[in-house]
């Protein structure tokens, strides 16, 4: 039985439709035990140890913005956890940006945030992304911030997909099992997007 921890980074609690997306992906998997840990619960040593000893971690989206120093302070234990953790990590939206921040890259407001605010868009991953079977995918995006792209990013991460509005949509760390997507696979948009998101999340679980 594999243990998956989802770090809930939302201000109060994970939004119901995001929770529904995770439940849709994970509840019927016999070989998986999964649970949420709120980011502020990491101050509890037993919760921190539970996350550290899990087989995989997903970092959720959030309404918080990483350039805000108060957000950086709130996420300090999660940042410590990511630095210590050696097993697979998947960052979703805010989670992807937090991964970028941890590795020293700037998180900035998009020039045109309306372009990917509560939209459905099509991405094509090249080179191929390990968590996708079909490398062209329709996705649910809902963000106004992004990792600032600089060439040095490619020394640490493979950048698999970009759009005109956002240059860093999908990443894989080059030497650690760390993955990030700027979109939300835990979605309840159209049926096609729900199914592709579910497949991505289950591909991540298969790595554990």
C-alpha atoms as a PDB file:
ATOM      1  CA  UNK A   1       0.000   0.000   0.000  1.00  0.00           C
ATOM      2  CA  UNK A   2       1.450   3.352  -1.061  1.00  0.00           C
ATOM      3  CA  UNK A   3       0.993   6.513   0.994  1.00  0.00           C
ATOM      4  CA  UNK A   4       0.291   9.798  -0.812  1.00  0.00           C
ATOM      5  CA  UNK A   5       0.080  13.140   0.974  1.00  0.00           C
ATOM      6  CA  UNK A   6      -1.538  16.181  -0.623  1.00  0.00           C
ATOM      7  CA  UNK A   7      -0.340  19.404   0.960  1.00  0.00           C
ATOM      8  CA  UNK A   8      -3.348  21.720   0.994  1.00  0.00           C
ATOM      9  CA  UNK A   9      -2.019  25.248   0.405  1.00  0.00           C
ATOM     10  CA  UNK A  10      -5.356  27.036   0.088  1.00  0.00           C
ATOM     11  CA  UNK A  11      -6.007  29.925   2.460  1.00  0.00           C
ATOM     12  CA  UNK A  12      -8.757  28.143   4.392  1.00  0.00           C
ATOM     13  CA  UNK A  13      -9.403  24.701   2.916  1.00  0.00           C
ATOM     14  CA  UNK A  14      -9.112  23.143  -0.508  1.00  0.00           C
ATOM     15  CA  UNK A  15     -11.946  24.275  -2.768  1.00  0.00           C
ATOM     16  CA  UNK A  16     -14.707  21.650  -3.170  1.00  0.00           C
ATOM     17  CA  UNK A  17     -14.326  21.190  -6.926  1.00  0.00           C
ATOM     18  CA  UNK A  18     -10.570  20.612  -6.566  1.00  0.00           C
ATOM     19  CA  UNK A  19     -11.223  18.094  -3.782  1.00  0.00           C
ATOM     20  CA  UNK A  20     -13.747  16.373  -6.042  1.00  0.00           C
ATOM     21  CA  UNK A  21     -11.093  16.083  -8.750  1.00  0.00           C
ATOM     22  CA  UNK A  22      -8.632  14.396  -6.381  1.00  0.00           C
ATOM     23  CA  UNK A  23     -11.330  12.046  -5.092  1.00  0.00           C
ATOM     24  CA  UNK A  24     -12.288  11.140  -8.658  1.00  0.00           C
ATOM     25  CA  UNK A  25      -8.660  10.212  -9.407  1.00  0.00           C
ATOM     26  CA  UNK A  26      -7.711   8.406  -6.191  1.00  0.00           C
ATOM     27  CA  UNK A  27     -10.693   6.972  -4.305  1.00  0.00           C
ATOM     28  CA  UNK A  28     -10.979   3.761  -6.334  1.00  0.00           C
ATOM     29  CA  UNK A  29      -7.289   2.825  -6.244  1.00  0.00           C
ATOM     30  CA  UNK A  30      -6.891  -0.255  -4.044  1.00  0.00           C
ATOM     31  CA  UNK A  31      -3.130   0.162  -3.606  1.00  0.00           C
ATOM     32  CA  UNK A  32      -3.248   3.790  -2.434  1.00  0.00           C
ATOM     33  CA  UNK A  33      -3.798   5.436   0.931  1.00  0.00           C
ATOM     34  CA  UNK A  34      -4.013   9.199   0.603  1.00  0.00           C
ATOM     35  CA  UNK A  35      -4.835  12.173   2.779  1.00  0.00           C
ATOM     36  CA  UNK A  36      -4.585  15.934   3.013  1.00  0.00           C
ATOM     37  CA  UNK A  37      -2.239  17.791   5.318  1.00  0.00           C
ATOM     38  CA  UNK A  38      -2.789  21.525   5.635  1.00  0.00           C
ATOM     39  CA  UNK A  39       0.422  23.491   5.094  1.00  0.00           C
ATOM     40  CA  UNK A  40       0.152  25.046   8.567  1.00  0.00           C
ATOM     41  CA  UNK A  41      -0.164  21.570  10.132  1.00  0.00           C
ATOM     42  CA  UNK A  42       3.454  20.873   9.199  1.00  0.00           C
ATOM     43  CA  UNK A  43       4.417  22.648  12.419  1.00  0.00           C
ATOM     44  CA  UNK A  44       3.147  19.510  14.170  1.00  0.00           C
ATOM     45  CA  UNK A  45       6.121  17.081  14.242  1.00  0.00           C
ATOM     46  CA  UNK A  46       3.898  14.043  13.667  1.00  0.00           C
ATOM     47  CA  UNK A  47       2.339  15.634  10.557  1.00  0.00           C
ATOM     48  CA  UNK A  48       5.719  16.711   9.228  1.00  0.00           C
ATOM     49  CA  UNK A  49       7.097  13.198   9.738  1.00  0.00           C
ATOM     50  CA  UNK A  50       4.028  11.674   8.096  1.00  0.00           C
ATOM     51  CA  UNK A  51       4.622  13.812   5.004  1.00  0.00           C
ATOM     52  CA  UNK A  52       8.382  13.192   5.026  1.00  0.00           C
ATOM     53  CA  UNK A  53       7.907   9.416   5.228  1.00  0.00           C
ATOM     54  CA  UNK A  54       5.155   9.235   2.593  1.00  0.00           C
ATOM     55  CA  UNK A  55       5.761   7.685  -0.831  1.00  0.00           C
ATOM     56  CA  UNK A  56       4.748  10.804  -2.742  1.00  0.00           C
ATOM     57  CA  UNK A  57       3.635  14.400  -2.233  1.00  0.00           C
ATOM     58  CA  UNK A  58       1.319  16.623  -4.233  1.00  0.00           C
ATOM     59  CA  UNK A  59       1.476  20.374  -3.573  1.00  0.00           C
ATOM     60  CA  UNK A  60      -1.905  21.937  -4.304  1.00  0.00           C
ATOM     61  CA  UNK A  61      -2.917  25.220  -5.804  1.00  0.00           C
ATOM     62  CA  UNK A  62      -3.652  28.261  -3.642  1.00  0.00           C
ATOM     63  CA  UNK A  63      -5.088  31.769  -3.643  1.00  0.00           C
ATOM     64  CA  UNK A  64      -1.813  32.900  -2.058  1.00  0.00           C
ATOM     65  CA  UNK A  65       0.913  34.520  -4.150  1.00  0.00           C
ATOM     66  CA  UNK A  66       4.560  33.562  -3.672  1.00  0.00           C
ATOM     67  CA  UNK A  67       6.047  37.063  -4.257  1.00  0.00           C
ATOM     68  CA  UNK A  68       4.257  38.148  -1.064  1.00  0.00           C
ATOM     69  CA  UNK A  69       6.775  37.820   1.825  1.00  0.00           C
ATOM     70  CA  UNK A  70       3.967  36.682   4.140  1.00  0.00           C
ATOM     71  CA  UNK A  71       3.272  33.742   1.811  1.00  0.00           C
ATOM     72  CA  UNK A  72       6.964  32.819   1.807  1.00  0.00           C
ATOM     73  CA  UNK A  73       6.869  32.789   5.602  1.00  0.00           C
ATOM     74  CA  UNK A  74       3.674  30.711   5.699  1.00  0.00           C
ATOM     75  CA  UNK A  75       5.246  28.152   3.357  1.00  0.00           C
ATOM     76  CA  UNK A  76       8.589  27.956   5.190  1.00  0.00           C
ATOM     77  CA  UNK A  77       8.014  24.446   6.566  1.00  0.00           C
ATOM     78  CA  UNK A  78       6.738  23.198   3.218  1.00  0.00           C
ATOM     79  CA  UNK A  79       9.854  24.663   1.581  1.00  0.00           C
ATOM     80  CA  UNK A  80      11.975  22.809   4.150  1.00  0.00           C
ATOM     81  CA  UNK A  81      10.040  19.604   3.446  1.00  0.00           C
ATOM     82  CA  UNK A  82      10.597  19.812  -0.314  1.00  0.00           C
ATOM     83  CA  UNK A  83      14.311  20.343   0.213  1.00  0.00           C
ATOM     84  CA  UNK A  84      14.536  17.268   2.470  1.00  0.00           C
ATOM     85  CA  UNK A  85      12.233  14.992   0.473  1.00  0.00           C
ATOM     86  CA  UNK A  86      13.728  12.506  -2.016  1.00  0.00           C
ATOM     87  CA  UNK A  87      10.642  10.774  -3.423  1.00  0.00           C
ATOM     88  CA  UNK A  88       8.202  11.945  -6.148  1.00  0.00           C
ATOM     89  CA  UNK A  89       6.651  15.407  -5.864  1.00  0.00           C
ATOM     90  CA  UNK A  90       3.991  16.923  -8.100  1.00  0.00           C
ATOM     91  CA  UNK A  91       3.364  20.667  -7.902  1.00  0.00           C
ATOM     92  CA  UNK A  92       0.037  21.949  -9.235  1.00  0.00           C
ATOM     93  CA  UNK A  93      -0.361  25.637 -10.221  1.00  0.00           C
ATOM     94  CA  UNK A  94       0.810  27.390  -7.011  1.00  0.00           C
ATOM     95  CA  UNK A  95       2.699  24.163  -6.278  1.00  0.00           C
ATOM     96  CA  UNK A  96       4.669  24.449  -9.523  1.00  0.00           C
ATOM     97  CA  UNK A  97       5.495  28.075  -8.726  1.00  0.00           C
ATOM     98  CA  UNK A  98       6.616  27.121  -5.206  1.00  0.00           C
ATOM     99  CA  UNK A  99       8.976  24.519  -6.689  1.00  0.00           C
ATOM    100  CA  UNK A 100      10.412  27.171  -8.999  1.00  0.00           C
ATOM    101  CA  UNK A 101      10.866  29.554  -6.065  1.00  0.00           C
ATOM    102  CA  UNK A 102      12.609  26.865  -3.984  1.00  0.00           C
ATOM    103  CA  UNK A 103      15.157  26.360  -6.753  1.00  0.00           C
ATOM    104  CA  UNK A 104      15.912  30.070  -6.952  1.00  0.00           C
ATOM    105  CA  UNK A 105      13.698  31.331  -9.762  1.00  0.00           C
ATOM    106  CA  UNK A 106      11.556  34.464  -9.705  1.00  0.00           C
ATOM    107  CA  UNK A 107       7.774  34.211  -9.536  1.00  0.00           C
ATOM    108  CA  UNK A 108       6.156  37.140 -11.297  1.00  0.00           C
ATOM    109  CA  UNK A 109       2.720  38.401 -12.269  1.00  0.00           C
ATOM    110  CA  UNK A 110       1.881  37.561 -15.862  1.00  0.00           C
ATOM    111  CA  UNK A 111       1.813  40.382 -18.403  1.00  0.00           C
ATOM    112  CA  UNK A 112      -1.669  39.274 -19.424  1.00  0.00           C
ATOM    113  CA  UNK A 113      -3.190  37.405 -16.463  1.00  0.00           C
ATOM    114  CA  UNK A 114      -6.630  37.311 -18.083  1.00  0.00           C
ATOM    115  CA  UNK A 115      -5.226  34.971 -20.754  1.00  0.00           C
ATOM    116  CA  UNK A 116      -5.126  32.020 -18.345  1.00  0.00           C
ATOM    117  CA  UNK A 117      -7.625  32.983 -15.680  1.00  0.00           C
ATOM    118  CA  UNK A 118     -10.329  30.307 -15.504  1.00  0.00           C
ATOM    119  CA  UNK A 119      -9.764  29.122 -19.070  1.00  0.00           C
ATOM    120  CA  UNK A 120      -9.511  25.871 -20.980  1.00  0.00           C
ATOM    121  CA  UNK A 121      -6.460  25.763 -23.247  1.00  0.00           C
ATOM    122  CA  UNK A 122      -4.528  23.197 -25.284  1.00  0.00           C
ATOM    123  CA  UNK A 123      -0.907  22.341 -24.479  1.00  0.00           C
ATOM    124  CA  UNK A 124       1.557  20.228 -26.417  1.00  0.00           C
ATOM    125  CA  UNK A 125       4.529  18.830 -24.507  1.00  0.00           C
ATOM    126  CA  UNK A 126       7.854  18.601 -26.307  1.00  0.00           C
ATOM    127  CA  UNK A 127       9.985  16.883 -25.177  1.00  0.00           C
ATOM    128  CA  UNK A 128       7.420  14.364 -23.876  1.00  0.00           C
ATOM    129  CA  UNK A 129       6.260  14.678 -20.272  1.00  0.00           C
ATOM    130  CA  UNK A 130       6.402  11.443 -18.243  1.00  0.00           C
ATOM    131  CA  UNK A 131       2.953  11.926 -16.698  1.00  0.00           C
ATOM    132  CA  UNK A 132       1.152  12.097 -20.032  1.00  0.00           C
ATOM    133  CA  UNK A 133       0.337   9.404 -22.572  1.00  0.00           C
ATOM    134  CA  UNK A 134      -1.047  11.844 -25.130  1.00  0.00           C
ATOM    135  CA  UNK A 135       1.383  14.766 -25.278  1.00  0.00           C
ATOM    136  CA  UNK A 136      -1.306  17.147 -26.562  1.00  0.00           C
ATOM    137  CA  UNK A 137      -3.799  17.829 -23.813  1.00  0.00           C
ATOM    138  CA  UNK A 138      -6.666  20.194 -23.044  1.00  0.00           C
ATOM    139  CA  UNK A 139      -6.267  21.659 -19.573  1.00  0.00           C
ATOM    140  CA  UNK A 140      -7.922  23.870 -16.966  1.00  0.00           C
ATOM    141  CA  UNK A 141      -5.796  26.933 -16.116  1.00  0.00           C
ATOM    142  CA  UNK A 142      -6.545  29.449 -13.385  1.00  0.00           C
ATOM    143  CA  UNK A 143      -3.545  31.607 -12.497  1.00  0.00           C
ATOM    144  CA  UNK A 144      -2.164  35.137 -12.689  1.00  0.00           C
ATOM    145  CA  UNK A 145       1.451  34.379 -11.697  1.00  0.00           C
ATOM    146  CA  UNK A 146       4.179  32.371 -13.398  1.00  0.00           C
ATOM    147  CA  UNK A 147       7.788  31.273 -13.089  1.00  0.00           C
ATOM    148  CA  UNK A 148       9.918  33.854 -14.886  1.00  0.00           C
ATOM    149  CA  UNK A 149      11.616  32.036 -17.734  1.00  0.00           C
ATOM    150  CA  UNK A 150      15.369  32.487 -18.060  1.00  0.00           C
ATOM    151  CA  UNK A 151      17.733  30.134 -19.942  1.00  0.00           C
ATOM    152  CA  UNK A 152      19.279  28.948 -16.649  1.00  0.00           C
ATOM    153  CA  UNK A 153      15.937  27.322 -15.820  1.00  0.00           C
ATOM    154  CA  UNK A 154      16.735  24.621 -18.383  1.00  0.00           C
ATOM    155  CA  UNK A 155      19.899  23.682 -16.462  1.00  0.00           C
ATOM    156  CA  UNK A 156      17.754  22.440 -13.552  1.00  0.00           C
ATOM    157  CA  UNK A 157      14.419  21.629 -15.187  1.00  0.00           C
ATOM    158  CA  UNK A 158      13.178  20.341 -18.504  1.00  0.00           C
ATOM    159  CA  UNK A 159      10.476  22.748 -19.652  1.00  0.00           C
ATOM    160  CA  UNK A 160       7.977  20.693 -21.647  1.00  0.00           C
ATOM    161  CA  UNK A 161       5.328  23.233 -22.625  1.00  0.00           C
ATOM    162  CA  UNK A 162       4.725  26.962 -22.881  1.00  0.00           C
ATOM    163  CA  UNK A 163       2.121  29.354 -24.224  1.00  0.00           C
ATOM    164  CA  UNK A 164       2.316  32.915 -25.449  1.00  0.00           C
ATOM    165  CA  UNK A 165       1.006  34.052 -22.078  1.00  0.00           C
ATOM    166  CA  UNK A 166       3.061  31.732 -19.851  1.00  0.00           C
ATOM    167  CA  UNK A 167       6.476  30.361 -20.767  1.00  0.00           C
ATOM    168  CA  UNK A 168       6.650  27.690 -18.034  1.00  0.00           C
ATOM    169  CA  UNK A 169       3.593  25.443 -18.099  1.00  0.00           C
ATOM    170  CA  UNK A 170       5.052  21.972 -17.454  1.00  0.00           C
ATOM    171  CA  UNK A 171       8.408  21.038 -15.877  1.00  0.00           C
ATOM    172  CA  UNK A 172      10.452  18.052 -14.731  1.00  0.00           C
ATOM    173  CA  UNK A 173      13.532  18.341 -12.533  1.00  0.00           C
ATOM    174  CA  UNK A 174      16.580  16.957 -14.321  1.00  0.00           C
ATOM    175  CA  UNK A 175      17.945  14.914 -11.412  1.00  0.00           C
ATOM    176  CA  UNK A 176      15.115  14.556  -8.891  1.00  0.00           C
ATOM    177  CA  UNK A 177      11.594  13.056  -9.277  1.00  0.00           C
ATOM    178  CA  UNK A 178       9.938  16.474  -9.155  1.00  0.00           C
ATOM    179  CA  UNK A 179       7.180  17.392 -11.599  1.00  0.00           C
ATOM    180  CA  UNK A 180       5.150  20.557 -12.003  1.00  0.00           C
ATOM    181  CA  UNK A 181       2.116  21.639 -14.009  1.00  0.00           C
ATOM    182  CA  UNK A 182       0.725  25.158 -14.169  1.00  0.00           C
ATOM    183  CA  UNK A 183      -2.726  23.758 -14.924  1.00  0.00           C
ATOM    184  CA  UNK A 184      -5.174  21.862 -12.695  1.00  0.00           C
ATOM    185  CA  UNK A 185      -5.498  18.130 -13.401  1.00  0.00           C
ATOM    186  CA  UNK A 186      -7.811  17.888 -10.364  1.00  0.00           C
ATOM    187  CA  UNK A 187     -10.563  19.566 -12.303  1.00  0.00           C
ATOM    188  CA  UNK A 188     -14.280  19.320 -12.949  1.00  0.00           C
ATOM    189  CA  UNK A 189     -14.522  21.174 -16.236  1.00  0.00           C
ATOM    190  CA  UNK A 190     -15.438  19.345 -19.446  1.00  0.00           C
ATOM    191  CA  UNK A 191     -15.528  15.540 -19.484  1.00  0.00           C
ATOM    192  CA  UNK A 192     -12.433  15.345 -21.699  1.00  0.00           C
ATOM    193  CA  UNK A 193     -10.375  17.560 -19.371  1.00  0.00           C
ATOM    194  CA  UNK A 194     -11.569  15.627 -16.311  1.00  0.00           C
ATOM    195  CA  UNK A 195     -10.483  12.326 -17.842  1.00  0.00           C
ATOM    196  CA  UNK A 196      -7.067  13.558 -18.971  1.00  0.00           C
ATOM    197  CA  UNK A 197      -6.433  15.112 -15.555  1.00  0.00           C
ATOM    198  CA  UNK A 198      -7.397  11.876 -13.827  1.00  0.00           C
ATOM    199  CA  UNK A 199      -4.968   9.936 -16.037  1.00  0.00           C
ATOM    200  CA  UNK A 200      -2.143  12.365 -15.222  1.00  0.00           C
ATOM    201  CA  UNK A 201      -2.730  12.068 -11.473  1.00  0.00           C
ATOM    202  CA  UNK A 202      -2.815   8.277 -11.687  1.00  0.00           C
ATOM    203  CA  UNK A 203       0.407   8.262 -13.742  1.00  0.00           C
ATOM    204  CA  UNK A 204       1.997  10.164 -10.862  1.00  0.00           C
ATOM    205  CA  UNK A 205       0.727   7.569  -8.373  1.00  0.00           C
ATOM    206  CA  UNK A 206       2.235   4.831 -10.562  1.00  0.00           C
ATOM    207  CA  UNK A 207       5.672   6.364  -9.902  1.00  0.00           C
ATOM    208  CA  UNK A 208       5.379   5.846  -6.146  1.00  0.00           C
END
